[in-house]
Amino acid sequence: MPTDPKPRSIFLDGRSWPLFHGIASLFLVTLFVLHWTGLDAIFDTRISSPLLFQIREMMGYTAPLNPRVKILALDDSTFSYLGGPRLSYEQMQSLLEHIAAKKPKAILIDSLLADTPYTMTQVKAGKVDVPVFSGSFMSDVKLKYRLESDLSTDYYKPETYLHNVYNLRHLNYKLDGHEGWYVYGHSRSYDSLIKGAGHITYNRDTTISPFYLLNDKTLIPHLSLFAADSIRMEEQRLVINDHPVPLTRSGRIMINHRNPDYFYKRAMSLRFFVQRAMLHQPEPKIEEGDVVIILFAFATGNTDFHEGGPFGDIPGGMIIASMVSDILDGTWLMKWETDGLLIVIFGVLGIIAGINLSIRRYLVALIGIWVVYTAFVILLFVYGSIWCPWALPMLAFTGTSLIHFVHVRIYEEMKLMLIERNYQLEKTKRLERKRKKVS
């Protein structure tokens, strides 16, 4: 009697288990690659960030903008009054002297001011005795027809910030490095008005680098740091205004975004400040100790919007204002960088759930994990100001569990089909034997 052919399906002879384990492992490796290459920032900026910041805003726990932050914007009204996006040297000098008379903590100009001002003839020497700083940018190649910024002052020396540390090599945290790069800032025509320049770079992962290290003896701070009363680079931590600043592994700061409506309501038209300055009228809007931020790119069609904000595209000056507010209040965000560990944990949980749970229990577990972990991440962010990885761990659990769940369902369906096939075959054999006996 011929024997039955052995089942050839990989689901019935055990070969499917290594295959699907390999698919799940490959999926987890892909998530690790996304994390290691920094591409997971796409998930953070497009999914996690809008979710967390907007829920915090709806719950009313967004950190308020410090009242000492005063925002002056060159808006459409000022553009029309000036006849363009720039102030003459006389207007710039009068404006800065006018604001400085109120003794603010600092005046921060969100602009490179790289072009030479017009109408400079017979202008009196500047008398601005308040720190005024503008923006700058860096290049890895030396630019023709441009003068590099003067980085010889104490603002750019590490020893100005180091505290009980011999040099930068003894710090236990990283600083973003741009070894040998060139820094370009305001036109030298403004040297008598502006004391220095800070970088205004917005990182791809939506963070801010507090310092860029150019070499062992030179670093350039972010523009917002000039609003601080004290900055200490201690061996284990960065301390600003006596508040420890949580840094990422890359030595960067998480931006504590606010709803842009906060800034639009607080922004004041630069036109009226220029007018009062030129007419030598008292300034009622600025008080002693304020940090004045001047936005020269705020008119329609002339605003430097940054992509990737949790509330949509946001003007770069608003990011600086958020940073300044955090410096004054110490309202920093902390980031738990446990992505790799959580990917492994949720990946393993997904494998266990996919293999062992029935259809109904699997759906309950899938929805439950999503709801519970998402709620945990939101509450941690809203009440603890802590950013916890969310997107990749959830993808790890969903992907691995779904892969093994599908495998087990196919495996069990194939077993049922084999049982049914064997039953029908055995039934056919018995009927055949009965016929033979009857005949």
Protein backbone atom coordinates (compact mmCIF):
# COMPACT_ATOMS: atom_id res chain seq x y z
CA MET A 1 0.00 0.00 0.00
CA PRO A 2 1.52 3.34 -1.00
CA THR A 3 2.32 5.73 1.81
CA ASP A 4 0.86 9.23 1.95
CA PRO A 5 3.16 11.95 0.67
CA LYS A 6 4.67 14.07 3.39
CA PRO A 7 3.36 17.66 3.60
CA ARG A 8 5.53 20.02 1.67
CA SER A 9 4.26 23.29 3.17
CA ILE A 10 6.90 25.20 5.16
CA PHE A 11 4.19 25.96 7.73
CA LEU A 12 3.69 22.29 8.52
CA ASP A 13 7.26 21.05 8.63
CA GLY A 14 8.56 23.80 10.95
CA ARG A 15 10.58 25.77 8.40
CA SER A 16 8.29 28.81 8.69
CA TRP A 17 9.31 29.62 12.27
CA PRO A 18 12.92 30.63 11.44
CA LEU A 19 11.62 32.53 8.41
CA PHE A 20 9.15 34.66 10.35
CA HIS A 21 11.57 35.13 13.25
CA GLY A 22 14.02 36.41 10.66
CA ILE A 23 11.44 38.81 9.20
CA ALA A 24 10.67 40.20 12.67
CA SER A 25 14.37 40.53 13.45
CA LEU A 26 14.95 42.32 10.15
CA PHE A 27 12.10 44.69 11.02
CA LEU A 28 13.69 45.49 14.39
CA VAL A 29 17.09 46.01 12.75
CA THR A 30 15.45 48.47 10.35
CA LEU A 31 14.09 50.44 13.31
CA PHE A 32 17.56 50.44 14.89
CA VAL A 33 19.05 51.75 11.65
CA LEU A 34 16.48 54.54 11.56
CA HIS A 35 17.46 55.45 15.11
CA TRP A 36 21.22 55.23 14.63
CA THR A 37 21.16 57.28 11.42
CA GLY A 38 18.95 59.98 12.94
CA LEU A 39 16.14 59.37 10.45
CA ASP A 40 13.80 58.74 13.36
CA ALA A 41 13.72 62.53 13.73
CA ILE A 42 11.14 62.41 10.93
CA PHE A 43 8.78 60.47 13.23
CA ASP A 44 9.52 62.85 16.11
CA THR A 45 8.93 66.05 14.13
CA ARG A 46 5.96 64.84 12.09
CA ILE A 47 4.14 62.64 14.62
CA SER A 48 5.37 62.72 18.22
CA SER A 49 6.11 66.43 18.50
CA PRO A 50 2.73 67.73 17.23
CA LEU A 51 0.93 65.17 19.39
CA LEU A 52 2.73 66.02 22.62
CA PHE A 53 2.98 69.79 22.30
CA GLN A 54 -0.58 70.29 21.07
CA ILE A 55 -2.07 68.07 23.78
CA ARG A 56 -0.03 69.97 26.39
CA GLU A 57 -1.37 73.22 24.93
CA MET A 58 -4.98 71.96 25.08
CA MET A 59 -4.48 70.89 28.70
CA GLY A 60 -3.15 74.35 29.59
CA TYR A 61 0.32 73.24 30.74
CA THR A 62 2.44 75.06 28.17
CA ALA A 63 5.15 77.09 29.90
CA PRO A 64 4.25 80.80 29.66
CA LEU A 65 6.52 83.24 27.89
CA ASN A 66 8.50 85.19 30.46
CA PRO A 67 7.17 88.78 30.71
CA ARG A 68 10.74 90.13 30.53
CA VAL A 69 10.97 88.93 26.92
CA LYS A 70 10.06 91.86 24.67
CA ILE A 71 9.68 91.13 20.95
CA LEU A 72 10.00 93.96 18.43
CA ALA A 73 9.13 92.95 14.88
CA LEU A 74 9.74 94.63 11.54
CA ASP A 75 6.23 93.91 10.32
CA ASP A 76 4.33 95.17 7.28
CA SER A 77 3.61 98.49 8.98
CA THR A 78 7.31 99.05 9.70
CA PHE A 79 8.24 97.87 6.19
CA SER A 80 5.92 100.50 4.72
CA TYR A 81 7.24 103.20 7.07
CA LEU A 82 10.89 102.44 6.27
CA GLY A 83 10.31 101.80 2.59
CA GLY A 84 12.10 98.44 2.84
CA PRO A 85 13.35 95.74 5.22
CA ARG A 86 16.36 97.69 6.56
CA LEU A 87 17.06 100.58 8.89
CA SER A 88 19.58 103.23 8.00
CA TYR A 89 22.63 103.44 10.26
CA GLU A 90 21.22 106.54 11.90
CA GLN A 91 17.91 104.81 12.59
CA MET A 92 19.67 101.71 13.90
CA GLN A 93 21.90 103.73 16.22
CA SER A 94 19.02 105.84 17.48
CA LEU A 95 16.88 102.76 18.07
CA LEU A 96 19.56 100.89 20.02
CA GLU A 97 20.46 103.94 22.11
CA HIS A 98 16.77 104.56 22.75
CA ILE A 99 16.25 100.99 24.01
CA ALA A 100 19.55 100.95 25.91
CA ALA A 101 18.45 104.02 27.88
CA LYS A 102 15.95 101.75 29.68
CA LYS A 103 18.84 99.42 30.76
CA PRO A 104 17.61 96.07 29.45
CA LYS A 105 19.60 92.93 30.19
CA ALA A 106 20.48 92.45 26.52
CA ILE A 107 19.35 93.30 23.01
CA LEU A 108 19.32 90.32 20.65
CA ILE A 109 18.98 90.94 16.92
CA ASP A 110 17.70 87.97 14.93
CA SER A 111 19.54 88.95 11.78
CA LEU A 112 23.01 88.64 10.28
CA LEU A 113 23.14 92.38 9.43
CA ALA A 114 25.71 91.38 6.84
CA ASP A 115 24.98 94.22 4.41
CA THR A 116 26.66 97.61 4.84
CA PRO A 117 24.13 100.14 6.18
CA TYR A 118 23.30 103.18 4.11
CA THR A 119 23.48 106.90 5.07
CA MET A 120 26.50 106.51 7.34
CA THR A 121 28.10 109.87 6.66
CA GLN A 122 28.62 112.22 9.61
CA VAL A 123 27.02 109.86 12.12
CA LYS A 124 28.12 110.32 15.69
CA ALA A 125 29.92 107.51 17.48
CA GLY A 126 27.70 104.91 19.11
CA LYS A 127 26.91 105.21 22.80
CA VAL A 128 25.18 101.85 23.35
CA ASP A 129 26.36 100.59 26.73
CA VAL A 130 24.00 97.58 26.82
CA PRO A 131 25.14 94.25 25.32
CA VAL A 132 23.82 94.05 21.76
CA PHE A 133 24.28 90.82 19.82
CA SER A 134 23.33 89.74 16.34
CA GLY A 135 23.18 86.44 14.49
CA SER A 136 25.89 84.67 12.55
CA PHE A 137 26.37 81.70 10.28
CA MET A 138 29.20 79.24 9.75
CA SER A 139 30.82 77.89 6.61
CA ASP A 140 33.27 75.04 6.13
CA VAL A 141 34.98 77.02 3.37
CA LYS A 142 36.36 80.53 3.41
CA LEU A 143 34.02 82.89 1.57
CA LYS A 144 35.29 85.44 -0.89
CA TYR A 145 34.43 89.11 -0.41
CA ARG A 146 33.33 88.53 3.19
CA LEU A 147 35.14 89.39 6.41
CA GLU A 148 35.11 86.83 9.20
CA SER A 149 33.66 87.74 12.57
CA ASP A 150 36.02 88.89 15.28
CA LEU A 151 36.13 86.00 17.77
CA SER A 152 38.87 87.40 19.99
CA THR A 153 36.59 88.65 22.79
CA ASP A 154 35.80 86.75 25.98
CA TYR A 155 32.38 85.73 24.66
CA TYR A 156 34.08 83.08 22.51
CA LYS A 157 36.68 81.78 24.97
CA PRO A 158 35.92 78.48 26.75
CA GLU A 159 37.46 79.72 30.01
CA THR A 160 34.64 82.29 30.22
CA TYR A 161 32.20 79.44 30.80
CA LEU A 162 34.27 76.61 32.29
CA HIS A 163 33.72 76.14 36.02
CA ASN A 164 36.11 73.98 38.06
CA VAL A 165 37.17 72.32 34.83
CA TYR A 166 40.62 72.69 33.30
CA ASN A 167 39.60 72.50 29.65
CA LEU A 168 36.86 71.28 27.33
CA ARG A 169 38.26 67.77 27.12
CA HIS A 170 37.35 67.17 30.76
CA LEU A 171 33.62 67.70 30.16
CA ASN A 172 31.50 64.54 30.40
CA TYR A 173 29.08 65.73 27.72
CA LYS A 174 29.54 66.50 24.07
CA LEU A 175 29.59 69.82 22.26
CA ASP A 176 28.73 70.07 18.59
CA GLY A 177 32.00 70.55 16.76
CA HIS A 178 32.76 72.44 13.57
CA GLU A 179 36.51 72.23 13.63
CA GLY A 180 38.15 74.78 11.36
CA TRP A 181 34.91 76.37 10.17
CA TYR A 182 34.60 80.09 9.47
CA VAL A 183 32.10 82.38 11.20
CA TYR A 184 30.45 85.31 9.43
CA GLY A 185 28.22 87.83 11.13
CA HIS A 186 27.35 91.51 11.02
CA SER A 187 29.06 94.04 8.80
CA ARG A 188 32.08 95.67 10.41
CA SER A 189 30.22 98.96 10.00
CA TYR A 190 28.17 97.95 13.02
CA ASP A 191 31.17 97.22 15.26
CA SER A 192 30.55 100.30 17.38
CA LEU A 193 26.96 99.20 18.05
CA ILE A 194 27.13 95.41 18.30
CA LYS A 195 29.34 93.66 20.83
CA GLY A 196 29.24 90.16 19.38
CA ALA A 197 27.39 87.51 17.45
CA GLY A 198 25.85 84.15 18.30
CA HIS A 199 24.82 81.36 15.98
CA ILE A 200 21.16 81.01 15.07
CA THR A 201 21.26 77.48 13.64
CA TYR A 202 18.23 75.22 14.02
CA ASN A 203 19.23 71.54 13.96
CA ARG A 204 17.50 68.97 11.78
CA ASP A 205 16.31 67.07 14.85
CA THR A 206 14.57 70.27 16.08
CA THR A 207 17.13 70.91 18.81
CA ILE A 208 19.47 73.80 19.53
CA SER A 209 23.22 73.47 20.06
CA PRO A 210 24.15 75.70 23.01
CA PHE A 211 27.70 75.98 21.68
CA TYR A 212 29.57 75.16 18.50
CA LEU A 213 33.16 74.20 19.14
CA LEU A 214 35.47 75.66 16.49
CA ASN A 215 38.73 74.63 18.17
CA ASP A 216 40.15 74.09 21.66
CA LYS A 217 40.30 77.83 22.27
CA THR A 218 37.19 79.08 20.47
CA LEU A 219 33.50 78.34 20.67
CA ILE A 220 30.44 80.26 19.58
CA PRO A 221 27.30 80.37 21.76
CA HIS A 222 23.75 80.35 20.53
CA LEU A 223 22.34 83.87 20.30
CA SER A 224 19.84 83.24 23.11
CA LEU A 225 22.61 82.46 25.63
CA PHE A 226 23.60 86.12 25.75
CA ALA A 227 20.41 86.69 27.73
CA ALA A 228 21.75 84.63 30.65
CA ASP A 229 23.07 86.12 33.86
CA SER A 230 25.46 83.20 34.32
CA ILE A 231 26.63 80.20 32.32
CA ARG A 232 28.72 77.45 33.92
CA MET A 233 30.11 74.50 32.02
CA GLU A 234 30.74 72.10 34.87
CA GLU A 235 32.30 68.68 34.45
CA GLN A 236 28.99 66.79 34.63
CA ARG A 237 26.45 69.37 33.49
CA LEU A 238 25.70 72.72 31.88
CA VAL A 239 24.18 75.26 34.28
CA ILE A 240 22.46 78.44 33.07
CA ASN A 241 21.17 80.98 35.58
CA ASP A 242 21.73 78.35 38.31
CA HIS A 243 19.38 75.92 36.53
CA PRO A 244 20.86 72.63 35.25
CA VAL A 245 20.16 72.26 31.54
CA PRO A 246 19.22 68.75 30.33
CA LEU A 247 21.32 67.92 27.28
CA THR A 248 20.89 65.15 24.75
CA ARG A 249 23.68 62.68 24.08
CA SER A 250 24.77 64.96 21.26
CA GLY A 251 25.05 67.89 23.68
CA ARG A 252 21.95 69.63 22.37
CA ILE A 253 18.94 71.30 23.98
CA MET A 254 15.32 70.33 23.36
CA ILE A 255 13.27 73.35 22.29
CA ASN A 256 10.35 73.99 24.61
CA HIS A 257 7.97 75.18 21.89
CA ARG A 258 5.08 77.52 22.56
CA ASN A 259 2.03 78.15 20.44
CA PRO A 260 2.97 80.87 17.89
CA ASP A 261 -0.14 82.77 18.96
CA TYR A 262 1.70 83.62 22.19
CA PHE A 263 4.39 85.39 20.21
CA TYR A 264 2.07 87.10 17.76
CA LYS A 265 0.15 88.61 20.68
CA ARG A 266 3.35 89.72 22.40
CA ALA A 267 5.16 91.03 19.31
CA MET A 268 5.20 94.82 19.00
CA SER A 269 5.64 96.75 15.78
CA LEU A 270 9.15 98.12 15.42
CA ARG A 271 7.77 101.18 13.66
CA PHE A 272 6.66 102.94 16.85
CA PHE A 273 9.97 102.29 18.59
CA VAL A 274 11.88 103.78 15.65
CA GLN A 275 9.57 106.78 15.59
CA ARG A 276 9.95 107.45 19.32
CA ALA A 277 13.71 106.98 19.02
CA MET A 278 14.04 109.49 16.18
CA LEU A 279 11.83 112.01 18.03
CA HIS A 280 13.66 111.41 21.37
CA GLN A 281 10.41 110.53 23.11
CA PRO A 282 10.30 108.36 26.28
CA GLU A 283 10.01 104.62 25.76
CA PRO A 284 7.10 103.14 27.78
CA LYS A 285 7.30 99.54 26.59
CA ILE A 286 10.78 98.54 27.79
CA GLU A 287 11.75 98.10 31.44
CA GLU A 288 15.06 97.59 33.19
CA GLY A 289 16.25 93.99 33.04
CA ASP A 290 14.18 93.05 29.97
CA VAL A 291 15.61 90.99 27.14
CA VAL A 292 14.72 92.72 23.89
CA ILE A 293 14.55 90.57 20.75
CA ILE A 294 14.44 92.45 17.46
CA LEU A 295 13.11 90.52 14.48
CA PHE A 296 14.11 92.12 11.19
CA ALA A 297 12.56 89.34 9.07
CA PHE A 298 8.89 89.47 10.02
CA ALA A 299 7.18 91.26 7.15
CA THR A 300 5.00 89.34 4.72
CA GLY A 301 7.19 87.43 2.28
CA ASN A 302 10.30 88.19 4.29
CA THR A 303 9.90 85.84 7.27
CA ASP A 304 12.44 83.05 7.88
CA PHE A 305 10.07 80.17 8.61
CA HIS A 306 11.47 76.88 9.93
CA GLU A 307 9.81 73.58 9.10
CA GLY A 308 9.16 70.81 11.57
CA GLY A 309 7.58 72.81 14.39
CA PRO A 310 4.83 71.12 16.41
CA PHE A 311 2.41 73.94 15.55
CA GLY A 312 3.41 74.15 11.91
CA ASP A 313 6.11 76.28 10.32
CA ILE A 314 7.44 78.79 12.84
CA PRO A 315 9.53 81.95 12.42
CA GLY A 316 13.13 81.52 13.59
CA GLY A 317 12.80 84.51 15.91
CA MET A 318 10.09 82.70 17.86
CA ILE A 319 12.48 79.84 18.55
CA ILE A 320 15.00 82.33 19.94
CA ALA A 321 12.27 83.89 22.10
CA SER A 322 11.35 80.44 23.46
CA MET A 323 14.98 79.75 24.28
CA VAL A 324 15.35 83.11 26.05
CA SER A 325 12.23 82.44 28.12
CA ASP A 326 13.59 79.04 29.17
CA ILE A 327 16.91 80.64 30.10
CA LEU A 328 15.16 83.15 32.33
CA ASP A 329 12.77 80.65 33.95
CA GLY A 330 14.69 77.38 33.76
CA THR A 331 11.72 75.66 32.08
CA TRP A 332 13.77 73.11 30.14
CA LEU A 333 12.66 69.86 28.55
CA MET A 334 14.45 66.60 29.34
CA LYS A 335 14.77 63.80 26.80
CA TRP A 336 14.95 60.14 27.73
CA GLU A 337 17.17 58.66 25.05
CA THR A 338 16.22 55.03 25.63
CA ASP A 339 15.03 54.35 22.09
CA GLY A 340 17.21 51.26 21.60
CA LEU A 341 16.19 49.62 24.88
CA LEU A 342 12.50 50.33 24.31
CA ILE A 343 12.65 48.98 20.75
CA VAL A 344 14.02 45.69 22.12
CA ILE A 345 11.52 45.49 25.01
CA PHE A 346 8.46 46.27 22.89
CA GLY A 347 9.77 44.06 20.08
CA VAL A 348 10.03 41.06 22.42
CA LEU A 349 6.60 41.81 23.92
CA GLY A 350 5.21 41.93 20.40
CA ILE A 351 6.68 38.51 19.56
CA ILE A 352 5.22 36.98 22.75
CA ALA A 353 1.80 38.53 22.12
CA GLY A 354 1.71 37.54 18.46
CA ILE A 355 2.59 33.90 19.15
CA ASN A 356 0.50 33.18 22.24
CA LEU A 357 -2.70 35.25 22.04
CA SER A 358 -5.94 34.40 20.32
CA ILE A 359 -7.49 36.81 17.85
CA ARG A 360 -9.68 38.55 20.42
CA ARG A 361 -6.98 38.75 23.07
CA TYR A 362 -4.43 39.97 20.53
CA LEU A 363 -6.66 42.86 19.46
CA VAL A 364 -7.29 43.76 23.10
CA ALA A 365 -3.53 43.65 23.83
CA LEU A 366 -2.66 45.70 20.75
CA ILE A 367 -5.17 48.42 21.52
CA GLY A 368 -4.36 48.31 25.24
CA ILE A 369 -0.61 48.71 24.72
CA TRP A 370 -1.15 51.63 22.37
CA VAL A 371 -3.56 53.38 24.74
CA VAL A 372 -1.62 52.77 27.96
CA TYR A 373 1.84 53.62 26.63
CA THR A 374 0.59 56.66 24.69
CA ALA A 375 -1.13 57.96 27.83
CA PHE A 376 2.06 57.37 29.83
CA VAL A 377 4.18 59.30 27.31
CA ILE A 378 1.70 62.19 27.19
CA LEU A 379 1.36 62.49 30.96
CA LEU A 380 5.13 62.31 31.40
CA PHE A 381 5.57 65.13 28.91
CA VAL A 382 2.74 67.32 30.19
CA TYR A 383 3.41 67.02 33.92
CA GLY A 384 7.10 66.12 34.02
CA SER A 385 8.47 68.02 30.98
CA ILE A 386 10.14 64.76 29.91
CA TRP A 387 10.25 63.56 26.32
CA CYS A 388 9.99 59.77 26.15
CA PRO A 389 10.40 57.81 22.89
CA TRP A 390 7.02 56.85 21.49
CA ALA A 391 6.86 56.25 17.74
CA LEU A 392 9.61 53.64 17.28
CA PRO A 393 8.69 51.52 20.36
CA MET A 394 5.07 51.43 19.19
CA LEU A 395 6.16 50.47 15.69
CA ALA A 396 8.37 47.73 17.17
CA PHE A 397 5.49 46.22 19.15
CA THR A 398 2.97 46.51 16.33
CA GLY A 399 5.30 45.17 13.65
CA THR A 400 6.71 42.14 15.50
CA SER A 401 3.37 41.18 17.00
CA LEU A 402 1.58 41.44 13.66
CA ILE A 403 4.26 39.39 11.86
CA HIS A 404 4.02 36.52 14.35
CA PHE A 405 0.27 36.81 14.72
CA VAL A 406 -0.17 36.37 10.98
CA HIS A 407 2.30 33.47 11.02
CA VAL A 408 0.47 31.63 13.81
CA ARG A 409 -2.90 32.18 12.11
CA ILE A 410 -1.56 30.77 8.83
CA TYR A 411 0.10 27.88 10.70
CA GLU A 412 -3.09 26.96 12.52
CA GLU A 413 -5.18 27.32 9.38
CA MET A 414 -2.78 25.00 7.56
CA LYS A 415 -3.05 22.49 10.43
CA LEU A 416 -6.83 22.55 10.20
CA MET A 417 -6.63 22.05 6.47
CA LEU A 418 -4.25 19.10 6.97
CA ILE A 419 -6.55 17.55 9.59
CA GLU A 420 -9.52 17.98 7.26
CA ARG A 421 -7.52 16.49 4.40
CA ASN A 422 -6.44 13.50 6.51
CA TYR A 423 -9.99 13.00 7.73
CA GLN A 424 -11.37 12.97 4.21
CA LEU A 425 -8.58 10.64 3.09
CA GLU A 426 -9.24 8.23 5.95
CA LYS A 427 -12.96 8.38 5.26
CA THR A 428 -12.32 7.54 1.62
CA LYS A 429 -10.14 4.53 2.59
CA ARG A 430 -12.82 3.12 4.90
CA LEU A 431 -15.49 3.45 2.26
CA GLU A 432 -13.19 1.70 -0.20
CA ARG A 433 -12.64 -1.18 2.25
CA LYS A 434 -16.40 -1.55 2.80
CA ARG A 435 -17.00 -1.76 -0.92
CA LYS A 436 -14.39 -4.50 -1.25
CA LYS A 437 -16.03 -6.51 1.57
CA VAL A 438 -19.47 -6.19 -0.01
CA SER A 439 -18.20 -7.26 -3.40
